[in-house]
Amino acid sequence: MKSVSIDQRMGGGATATLAKGRQTATLPLVGNASVFREAIASIPVIARSERPVLIGGETGTGKELVARAIHAASDRANFPFVAVNCGSLVDTLVDDALFGHEQGAFTDARARREGLIARASGGTLFLDELEALSAKGQVTLLRVLEDDAFRALGSSRLEQANVRFVAATNAPLEGVIKTGAFRADLYYRLCVFSINLPPLRERPEDILPLSHYFLLQHAPSDEPAPDLDDSARRALVGYHWPGNVRELENTIIRAIYLRKTATISGADLGLPIDLALTEPRHGRTFHALKQETIATFERRYLERVMHEHHGNVTHAAIATGKERREFGRLLKKHHIDPQAFRRL
């Protein structure tokens, strides 16, 4: 069994390091914020089990990295880690995708093909964006979880599902279950263990350590990693990061190649941010500035969520984990009209 430890490095950040004997592998779970460290603290314990895991968190928070860390720290590490986006498992193909088929199983089945479960045999099957799984797909997956077995299309042979299921969701599934769009029995089957990753805005102290990590990772191999000047640091910390760590990484990559000098400036980052939030402002109290920043973030966040859900208040509320009535009060507070986001 492998062990997982958190090493302090990269400007105060933390990196999950997996070790087995003298071999070590470092996974980019960078962060020293208490909310992040608490979220990943259970990885060593979870890795020792064979039971399913459900990882929650907004898009770009690193759910697949956590799934890979669990896999790498488990006894299944030498076997495949197979990832699939549940949105791609359409009703007509879900059985074939998961179970595979034998030659001649249907008209176009000219050769035998392994499904995702067989490809991940001995290892981990990672089900990303679980909330996008269709009703038929949910029934199919539930049957596998209940029986620990599957049958390829066109085959009479029942095969053992020798995989560990790890799923990830961008939406709080408890709310989706209440709408009837997701099965409660499947949720409880998959949620034996759960990890909830915080958004980057809730761990602002990790923004600069993550930025330095990405600078080292993505700088051209024949050049030293560029530094961030003061304006870049203020811009990075002042931005609300709706795309979370993935957006931060893309921003750093872009700045490395588009910078105009040896040092990255705030302008090089190309962030859609009010520069007034990144510059020191005198004559204002800390409380006033804090309230202004929170109000700006709230409005931008609500507008983004309403745009993503085309003005559907119920769906937007579910995506944010809030009750519809509470979400509606926030919209009124910021004078946001749902009608403005609806498709014509």
Protein backbone atom coordinates (compact mmCIF):
# COMPACT_ATOMS: atom_id res chain seq x y z
CA MET A 1 0.00 0.00 0.00
CA LYS A 2 1.25 3.45 -0.87
CA SER A 3 1.26 6.37 1.52
CA VAL A 4 0.30 9.96 0.84
CA SER A 5 2.02 12.90 2.47
CA ILE A 6 1.78 16.66 2.01
CA ASP A 7 5.12 18.35 1.39
CA GLN A 8 5.55 22.08 1.97
CA ARG A 9 7.08 23.58 -1.15
CA MET A 10 6.62 26.12 -3.94
CA GLY A 11 6.18 29.31 -1.99
CA GLY A 12 4.16 27.92 0.89
CA GLY A 13 2.02 25.60 -1.20
CA ALA A 14 1.45 21.94 -0.54
CA THR A 15 1.89 19.08 -2.97
CA ALA A 16 0.52 15.59 -2.49
CA THR A 17 3.40 13.15 -2.80
CA LEU A 18 2.80 9.43 -3.21
CA ALA A 19 5.50 7.05 -2.09
CA LYS A 20 5.99 3.30 -2.32
CA GLY A 21 9.34 2.04 -1.19
CA ARG A 22 11.96 4.29 -2.74
CA GLN A 23 9.76 5.37 -5.62
CA THR A 24 7.89 8.64 -5.33
CA ALA A 25 5.52 10.46 -7.62
CA THR A 26 4.38 14.05 -7.13
CA LEU A 27 0.84 15.04 -8.01
CA PRO A 28 -0.01 18.73 -8.52
CA LEU A 29 -2.40 19.10 -5.59
CA VAL A 30 -0.89 22.46 -4.74
CA GLY A 31 -2.32 24.49 -1.91
CA ASN A 32 -1.88 25.40 1.73
CA ALA A 33 -5.30 26.89 2.49
CA SER A 34 -6.95 25.11 5.39
CA VAL A 35 -10.16 24.45 3.42
CA PHE A 36 -8.14 22.75 0.68
CA ARG A 37 -5.93 20.75 3.04
CA GLU A 38 -9.01 19.54 4.90
CA ALA A 39 -10.63 18.49 1.62
CA ILE A 40 -7.72 16.31 0.50
CA ALA A 41 -6.71 15.06 3.96
CA SER A 42 -8.87 11.94 3.60
CA ILE A 43 -7.16 10.73 0.39
CA PRO A 44 -4.82 8.26 2.20
CA VAL A 45 -7.74 6.65 4.05
CA ILE A 46 -10.02 6.56 1.03
CA ALA A 47 -7.27 5.04 -1.12
CA ARG A 48 -7.12 2.00 1.16
CA SER A 49 -10.74 1.13 0.43
CA GLU A 50 -12.27 -0.40 -2.68
CA ARG A 51 -15.59 1.40 -2.32
CA PRO A 52 -16.88 4.15 -4.64
CA VAL A 53 -15.99 7.81 -4.17
CA LEU A 54 -17.94 10.92 -5.16
CA ILE A 55 -15.91 14.10 -5.69
CA GLY A 56 -17.81 17.38 -5.77
CA GLY A 57 -16.72 20.85 -6.77
CA GLU A 58 -17.11 23.51 -9.41
CA THR A 59 -15.62 23.14 -12.88
CA GLY A 60 -11.86 23.53 -12.82
CA THR A 61 -11.28 22.80 -9.12
CA GLY A 62 -9.18 19.69 -9.80
CA LYS A 63 -11.60 16.80 -9.38
CA GLU A 64 -9.82 14.54 -11.87
CA LEU A 65 -6.46 15.24 -10.20
CA VAL A 66 -7.94 14.10 -6.88
CA ALA A 67 -9.35 10.98 -8.56
CA ARG A 68 -5.92 10.23 -10.00
CA ALA A 69 -4.33 10.80 -6.58
CA ILE A 70 -6.72 8.26 -5.03
CA HIS A 71 -5.91 5.78 -7.80
CA ALA A 72 -2.14 6.36 -7.51
CA ALA A 73 -2.21 5.82 -3.74
CA SER A 74 -4.24 2.61 -3.97
CA ASP A 75 -3.35 -1.01 -4.64
CA ARG A 76 -4.84 -0.53 -8.11
CA ALA A 77 -2.14 1.97 -9.12
CA ASN A 78 -0.42 -0.44 -11.53
CA PHE A 79 -3.65 -0.95 -13.46
CA PRO A 80 -5.45 1.49 -15.80
CA PHE A 81 -7.09 4.75 -14.83
CA VAL A 82 -9.87 5.25 -17.40
CA ALA A 83 -11.82 8.52 -17.53
CA VAL A 84 -15.13 9.13 -19.28
CA ASN A 85 -17.36 12.20 -19.47
CA CYS A 86 -20.88 11.08 -18.64
CA GLY A 87 -22.33 13.63 -21.05
CA SER A 88 -20.89 11.54 -23.90
CA LEU A 89 -22.79 8.40 -22.83
CA VAL A 90 -25.91 8.87 -24.94
CA ASP A 91 -28.83 6.49 -24.40
CA THR A 92 -28.36 4.55 -27.62
CA LEU A 93 -24.69 3.86 -26.92
CA VAL A 94 -24.37 3.72 -23.13
CA ASP A 95 -24.47 -0.11 -22.87
CA ASP A 96 -21.95 -0.49 -25.68
CA ALA A 97 -19.66 2.18 -24.20
CA LEU A 98 -19.63 0.64 -20.72
CA PHE A 99 -19.82 -3.09 -21.55
CA GLY A 100 -18.45 -3.40 -25.09
CA HIS A 101 -19.74 -5.89 -27.63
CA GLU A 102 -18.97 -9.15 -29.34
CA GLN A 103 -18.50 -9.48 -33.09
CA GLY A 104 -21.89 -9.58 -34.79
CA ALA A 105 -23.77 -8.25 -31.76
CA PHE A 106 -25.45 -5.71 -34.06
CA THR A 107 -25.27 -4.64 -37.69
CA ASP A 108 -22.04 -2.62 -37.53
CA ALA A 109 -20.27 -4.83 -34.97
CA ARG A 110 -17.61 -6.17 -37.33
CA ALA A 111 -15.16 -6.94 -34.52
CA ARG A 112 -15.19 -7.47 -30.78
CA ARG A 113 -14.66 -4.30 -28.74
CA GLU A 114 -13.97 -3.89 -25.04
CA GLY A 115 -16.08 -1.46 -23.08
CA LEU A 116 -14.84 1.06 -20.52
CA ILE A 117 -15.27 -1.35 -17.60
CA ALA A 118 -13.14 -4.01 -19.26
CA ARG A 119 -10.52 -1.43 -20.27
CA ALA A 120 -10.26 -0.28 -16.64
CA SER A 121 -10.12 -3.85 -15.28
CA GLY A 122 -8.07 -3.99 -12.10
CA GLY A 123 -7.93 -0.20 -11.95
CA THR A 124 -10.22 2.82 -11.64
CA LEU A 125 -13.11 4.00 -13.80
CA PHE A 126 -13.53 7.75 -13.40
CA LEU A 127 -17.03 9.06 -14.23
CA ASP A 128 -16.75 12.80 -14.80
CA GLU A 129 -19.75 15.17 -14.86
CA LEU A 130 -21.96 12.52 -13.31
CA GLU A 131 -24.92 14.91 -13.26
CA ALA A 132 -25.02 14.72 -17.08
CA LEU A 133 -25.70 10.97 -17.08
CA SER A 134 -29.04 10.19 -18.73
CA ALA A 135 -31.88 8.35 -16.97
CA LYS A 136 -31.07 5.17 -18.91
CA GLY A 137 -27.38 5.56 -18.15
CA GLN A 138 -28.18 5.88 -14.45
CA VAL A 139 -30.13 2.61 -14.50
CA THR A 140 -27.33 0.85 -16.37
CA LEU A 141 -24.66 2.08 -13.97
CA LEU A 142 -26.77 1.23 -10.92
CA ARG A 143 -27.14 -2.36 -12.16
CA VAL A 144 -23.36 -2.73 -12.41
CA LEU A 145 -22.83 -1.30 -8.94
CA GLU A 146 -25.42 -3.64 -7.45
CA ASP A 147 -24.22 -6.81 -9.21
CA ASP A 148 -20.47 -6.11 -9.54
CA ALA A 149 -20.87 -7.75 -12.94
CA PHE A 150 -21.73 -6.95 -16.55
CA ARG A 151 -22.37 -8.68 -19.86
CA ALA A 152 -21.00 -7.41 -23.18
CA LEU A 153 -23.58 -6.92 -25.91
CA GLY A 154 -24.06 -10.16 -27.82
CA SER A 155 -22.35 -12.25 -25.13
CA SER A 156 -23.86 -14.89 -22.86
CA ARG A 157 -20.92 -14.67 -20.44
CA LEU A 158 -21.29 -12.64 -17.24
CA GLU A 159 -18.02 -10.90 -16.33
CA GLN A 160 -16.89 -9.45 -13.02
CA ALA A 161 -16.65 -5.65 -12.88
CA ASN A 162 -13.19 -5.53 -11.33
CA VAL A 163 -12.96 -1.74 -11.11
CA ARG A 164 -13.15 0.94 -8.49
CA PHE A 165 -15.70 3.62 -9.37
CA VAL A 166 -14.78 7.23 -8.72
CA ALA A 167 -17.30 9.85 -9.86
CA ALA A 168 -17.23 13.63 -10.01
CA THR A 169 -20.00 16.19 -10.23
CA ASN A 170 -20.13 19.93 -10.80
CA ALA A 171 -23.64 20.27 -9.36
CA PRO A 172 -24.81 19.47 -5.81
CA LEU A 173 -26.61 16.19 -6.52
CA GLU A 174 -28.89 16.49 -3.51
CA GLY A 175 -30.64 19.35 -5.29
CA VAL A 176 -30.73 17.49 -8.61
CA ILE A 177 -32.32 14.49 -6.85
CA LYS A 178 -35.13 16.73 -5.55
CA THR A 179 -35.97 17.70 -9.13
CA GLY A 180 -36.20 14.03 -10.13
CA ALA A 181 -33.34 14.33 -12.63
CA PHE A 182 -31.02 12.01 -10.70
CA ARG A 183 -31.71 8.73 -8.91
CA ALA A 184 -31.27 8.79 -5.13
CA ASP A 185 -30.33 5.08 -5.04
CA LEU A 186 -27.48 5.64 -7.51
CA TYR A 187 -26.29 8.65 -5.52
CA TYR A 188 -26.08 6.62 -2.31
CA ARG A 189 -24.29 3.78 -4.12
CA LEU A 190 -21.60 6.16 -5.37
CA CYS A 191 -21.29 8.34 -2.29
CA VAL A 192 -19.71 5.84 0.10
CA PHE A 193 -16.84 8.32 0.41
CA SER A 194 -17.09 11.96 -0.58
CA ILE A 195 -14.62 14.77 -1.15
CA ASN A 196 -15.76 18.33 -1.81
CA LEU A 197 -13.19 20.63 -3.35
CA PRO A 198 -13.47 24.35 -2.57
CA PRO A 199 -13.52 26.92 -5.39
CA LEU A 200 -10.40 29.01 -5.82
CA ARG A 201 -12.16 32.14 -4.52
CA GLU A 202 -12.45 30.42 -1.12
CA ARG A 203 -8.71 29.75 -0.98
CA PRO A 204 -7.18 33.08 -2.12
CA GLU A 205 -3.93 32.39 -0.25
CA ASP A 206 -3.26 29.60 -2.77
CA ILE A 207 -3.51 31.79 -5.88
CA LEU A 208 0.11 32.94 -5.89
CA PRO A 209 1.63 29.53 -4.95
CA LEU A 210 -0.41 27.95 -7.74
CA SER A 211 0.69 30.69 -10.14
CA HIS A 212 4.36 30.06 -9.34
CA TYR A 213 3.83 26.34 -9.76
CA PHE A 214 2.32 26.85 -13.22
CA LEU A 215 5.12 29.26 -14.16
CA LEU A 216 7.65 26.52 -13.40
CA GLN A 217 5.58 23.86 -15.16
CA HIS A 218 4.91 25.73 -18.40
CA ALA A 219 7.90 27.98 -19.00
CA PRO A 220 9.88 26.94 -22.13
CA SER A 221 12.54 24.39 -21.18
CA ASP A 222 15.33 26.56 -22.58
CA GLU A 223 14.34 29.66 -20.55
CA PRO A 224 14.07 30.48 -16.84
CA ALA A 225 10.53 30.85 -15.53
CA PRO A 226 9.45 34.51 -15.62
CA ASP A 227 8.57 36.42 -12.45
CA LEU A 228 5.32 38.21 -11.62
CA ASP A 229 5.51 41.94 -10.93
CA ASP A 230 3.41 43.66 -8.25
CA SER A 231 0.60 44.56 -10.66
CA ALA A 232 0.33 40.93 -11.79
CA ARG A 233 0.17 39.69 -8.21
CA ARG A 234 -2.57 42.19 -7.36
CA ALA A 235 -4.53 41.26 -10.48
CA LEU A 236 -4.28 37.54 -9.75
CA VAL A 237 -5.39 37.90 -6.14
CA GLY A 238 -8.12 40.43 -7.01
CA TYR A 239 -9.78 38.33 -9.71
CA HIS A 240 -12.76 36.09 -8.78
CA TRP A 241 -11.69 33.05 -10.93
CA PRO A 242 -15.03 31.61 -12.10
CA GLY A 243 -13.07 28.91 -13.97
CA ASN A 244 -11.06 28.10 -10.83
CA VAL A 245 -7.61 26.47 -10.98
CA ARG A 246 -8.00 25.50 -14.65
CA GLU A 247 -8.65 29.13 -15.59
CA LEU A 248 -5.65 30.24 -13.52
CA GLU A 249 -3.39 27.72 -15.27
CA ASN A 250 -4.57 28.86 -18.71
CA THR A 251 -4.03 32.49 -17.72
CA ILE A 252 -0.45 31.80 -16.64
CA ILE A 253 0.32 29.83 -19.82
CA ARG A 254 -1.03 32.69 -21.95
CA ALA A 255 0.98 35.29 -20.03
CA ILE A 256 4.23 33.31 -20.36
CA TYR A 257 4.06 33.53 -24.13
CA LEU A 258 2.35 36.89 -24.64
CA ARG A 259 4.30 38.97 -22.08
CA LYS A 260 5.99 42.06 -23.45
CA THR A 261 8.97 42.04 -21.06
CA ALA A 262 10.97 39.50 -19.08
CA THR A 263 8.55 39.97 -16.17
CA ILE A 264 4.81 39.30 -16.32
CA SER A 265 2.68 42.37 -15.59
CA GLY A 266 -1.00 42.69 -14.77
CA ALA A 267 -1.71 43.76 -18.35
CA ASP A 268 -0.04 40.58 -19.67
CA LEU A 269 -2.60 38.43 -17.85
CA GLY A 270 -5.52 39.65 -19.93
CA LEU A 271 -7.99 39.29 -17.08
CA PRO A 272 -11.47 40.87 -17.48
CA ILE A 273 -11.18 42.69 -14.20
CA ASP A 274 -11.86 46.19 -12.90
CA LEU A 275 -8.33 47.51 -12.40
CA ALA A 276 -9.62 49.55 -9.48
CA LEU A 277 -9.84 46.30 -7.56
CA THR A 278 -6.14 45.57 -8.14
CA GLU A 279 -4.68 48.97 -7.27
CA PRO A 280 -4.20 50.29 -3.71
CA ARG A 281 -6.91 52.80 -2.81
CA HIS A 282 -6.36 55.32 -0.07
CA GLY A 283 -8.93 56.93 2.15
CA ARG A 284 -11.19 53.87 2.24
CA THR A 285 -11.67 51.60 5.24
CA PHE A 286 -10.89 47.91 5.06
CA HIS A 287 -14.56 47.09 5.74
CA ALA A 288 -15.78 49.34 2.92
CA LEU A 289 -13.35 47.87 0.40
CA LYS A 290 -14.22 44.34 1.50
CA GLN A 291 -17.95 44.94 1.09
CA GLU A 292 -17.43 46.52 -2.33
CA THR A 293 -15.31 43.59 -3.48
CA ILE A 294 -17.86 41.04 -2.22
CA ALA A 295 -20.71 42.87 -3.96
CA THR A 296 -18.75 42.99 -7.23
CA PHE A 297 -17.97 39.28 -7.02
CA GLU A 298 -21.59 38.37 -6.20
CA ARG A 299 -22.99 40.25 -9.18
CA ARG A 300 -20.43 38.83 -11.64
CA TYR A 301 -20.95 35.32 -10.32
CA LEU A 302 -24.75 35.54 -10.54
CA GLU A 303 -24.59 36.94 -14.06
CA ARG A 304 -22.29 34.12 -15.16
CA VAL A 305 -24.52 31.41 -13.66
CA MET A 306 -27.66 32.94 -15.18
CA HIS A 307 -25.94 33.12 -18.57
CA GLU A 308 -24.88 29.44 -18.31
CA HIS A 309 -28.46 28.38 -17.49
CA HIS A 310 -30.15 30.73 -19.98
CA GLY A 311 -32.12 32.57 -17.31
CA ASN A 312 -33.60 29.45 -15.69
CA VAL A 313 -33.66 30.44 -12.01
CA THR A 314 -34.37 26.91 -10.75
CA HIS A 315 -31.45 25.32 -12.62
CA ALA A 316 -29.12 28.17 -11.66
CA ALA A 317 -30.08 27.83 -7.99
CA ILE A 318 -29.36 24.07 -8.08
CA ALA A 319 -25.97 24.68 -9.71
CA THR A 320 -24.99 27.10 -6.93
CA GLY A 321 -26.29 24.88 -4.13
CA LYS A 322 -28.85 27.42 -2.96
CA GLU A 323 -32.59 27.24 -2.42
CA ARG A 324 -34.55 28.85 -5.25
CA ARG A 325 -36.08 31.48 -2.95
CA GLU A 326 -32.70 32.48 -1.51
CA PHE A 327 -31.20 32.60 -5.01
CA GLY A 328 -34.09 34.78 -6.17
CA ARG A 329 -33.41 37.24 -3.32
CA LEU A 330 -29.79 37.54 -4.47
CA LEU A 331 -30.94 38.32 -8.01
CA LYS A 332 -33.25 41.05 -6.72
CA LYS A 333 -30.49 42.44 -4.49
CA HIS A 334 -28.29 42.99 -7.53
CA HIS A 335 -31.17 44.02 -9.85
CA ILE A 336 -30.56 41.08 -12.20
CA ASP A 337 -33.48 40.23 -14.49
CA PRO A 338 -33.59 36.51 -15.49
CA GLN A 339 -35.44 37.46 -18.69
CA ALA A 340 -32.29 39.15 -19.98
CA PHE A 341 -30.48 35.81 -20.10
CA ARG A 342 -33.15 33.72 -21.82
CA ARG A 343 -32.72 32.49 -25.34
CA LEU A 344 -34.68 34.35 -27.99
